[in-house]
Protein backbone atom coordinates (compact mmCIF):
# COMPACT_ATOMS: atom_id res chain seq x y z
CA MET A 1 98.33 97.09 87.85
CA PHE A 2 100.54 96.39 84.83
CA HIS A 3 97.59 95.56 82.61
CA SER A 4 95.93 98.85 83.59
CA TYR A 5 99.07 100.64 82.46
CA ASP A 6 98.99 98.69 79.19
CA VAL A 7 95.36 99.72 78.61
CA TRP A 8 96.28 103.34 79.28
CA ARG A 9 99.27 103.22 76.89
CA ALA A 10 97.48 101.30 74.09
CA THR A 11 97.54 103.10 70.76
CA ASP A 12 94.26 101.83 69.28
CA SER A 13 90.96 100.31 70.40
CA ARG A 14 91.97 96.77 69.42
CA GLN A 15 94.97 96.88 71.76
CA ARG A 16 92.82 98.39 74.53
CA GLU A 17 90.29 95.56 74.25
CA TYR A 18 93.05 92.97 74.27
CA PHE A 19 94.66 94.40 77.42
CA ARG A 20 91.25 94.82 79.11
CA GLY A 21 90.64 91.12 78.52
CA LEU A 22 93.98 90.27 80.11
CA ARG A 23 93.20 92.52 83.07
CA GLU A 24 89.81 90.86 83.61
CA ASN A 25 91.43 87.43 83.53
CA VAL A 26 93.96 88.49 86.17
CA VAL A 27 91.19 89.92 88.36
CA HIS A 28 89.27 86.64 88.17
CA GLN A 29 92.37 84.67 89.11
CA ALA A 30 93.11 87.01 92.02
CA LEU A 31 89.55 86.66 93.32
CA PHE A 32 89.83 82.89 93.07
CA PHE A 33 93.10 82.82 95.04
CA PHE A 34 91.65 85.21 97.64
CA SER A 35 88.56 83.02 98.05
CA VAL A 36 90.75 79.93 98.55
CA TRP A 37 92.73 81.83 101.19
CA LEU A 38 89.49 82.83 102.94
CA VAL A 39 88.30 79.23 103.01
CA TYR A 40 91.60 78.14 104.59
CA LEU A 41 91.29 80.91 107.16
CA ALA A 42 87.67 79.99 107.95
CA GLY A 43 88.66 76.34 108.32
CA ALA A 44 91.47 77.23 110.70
CA VAL A 45 89.22 79.43 112.84
CA LEU A 46 86.39 76.90 112.93
CA GLY A 47 88.77 74.00 113.56
CA THR A 48 90.37 75.81 116.46
CA GLY A 49 87.01 76.71 117.96
CA ILE A 50 85.66 73.18 117.63
CA TYR A 51 88.90 71.71 119.01
CA LEU A 52 88.58 73.82 122.16
CA LYS A 53 85.11 72.37 122.80
CA VAL A 54 85.32 68.80 121.46
CA GLY A 55 89.00 67.89 121.53
CA LEU A 56 90.69 65.46 119.18
CA ARG A 57 87.35 64.21 117.84
CA THR A 58 87.40 67.44 115.82
CA MET A 59 89.41 65.58 113.18
CA TYR A 60 86.30 63.59 112.22
CA VAL A 61 84.83 66.69 110.54
CA PRO A 62 87.57 67.19 107.90
CA ALA A 63 87.90 63.41 107.42
CA VAL A 64 84.18 63.12 106.64
CA LEU A 65 84.31 66.15 104.32
CA LEU A 66 87.30 64.65 102.50
CA ALA A 67 85.51 61.31 102.14
CA LEU A 68 82.39 63.05 100.76
CA THR A 69 84.53 64.98 98.28
CA ILE A 70 86.24 61.80 97.09
CA ILE A 71 82.92 59.99 96.68
CA THR A 72 81.41 62.96 94.82
CA ASP A 73 84.45 63.15 92.54
CA GLN A 74 84.01 59.49 91.60
CA PHE A 75 80.48 60.11 90.31
CA LYS A 76 80.82 63.66 89.00
CA PRO A 77 84.47 64.70 88.39
CA LEU A 78 85.39 68.12 89.73
CA SER A 79 87.82 68.98 86.91
CA LEU A 80 89.36 72.41 86.64
CA GLN A 81 89.77 74.51 83.51
CA GLU A 82 93.53 73.94 83.63
CA GLU A 83 93.04 70.17 83.54
CA ARG A 84 90.68 70.49 80.58
CA ASP A 85 93.21 72.66 78.76
CA GLN A 86 95.99 70.15 79.36
CA SER A 87 93.90 67.25 78.12
CA GLU A 88 93.25 69.10 74.84
CA ARG A 89 96.99 69.33 74.08
C-alpha cells in the first residue's frame, strides 16, 4: 500500500521504476508468507483428519517427512536467498 502511494507521488520515471521494484519485492514476500501459512493450515487439517482415523501413529508421517528433508539437505543444500546474502558479507 505504501509503495503504491510512493509510485503515485513519484516526480519522475526513475523514481517510479524504483518504487515499482520495491512494490514487486514486497508482493513476492507477501505471497511467500501466505504460501507458508497455507502449508501450515493444510498440515493441521490433514494431521487432524489422519489422527481421527489412525491415532497416535499419525506422528510417523511428519517424522518421515522431516527425516527425508534432512537427508535431502545433506546432499543438496536447501539454502535461502537470505543465507546466500549473509554469506557474501
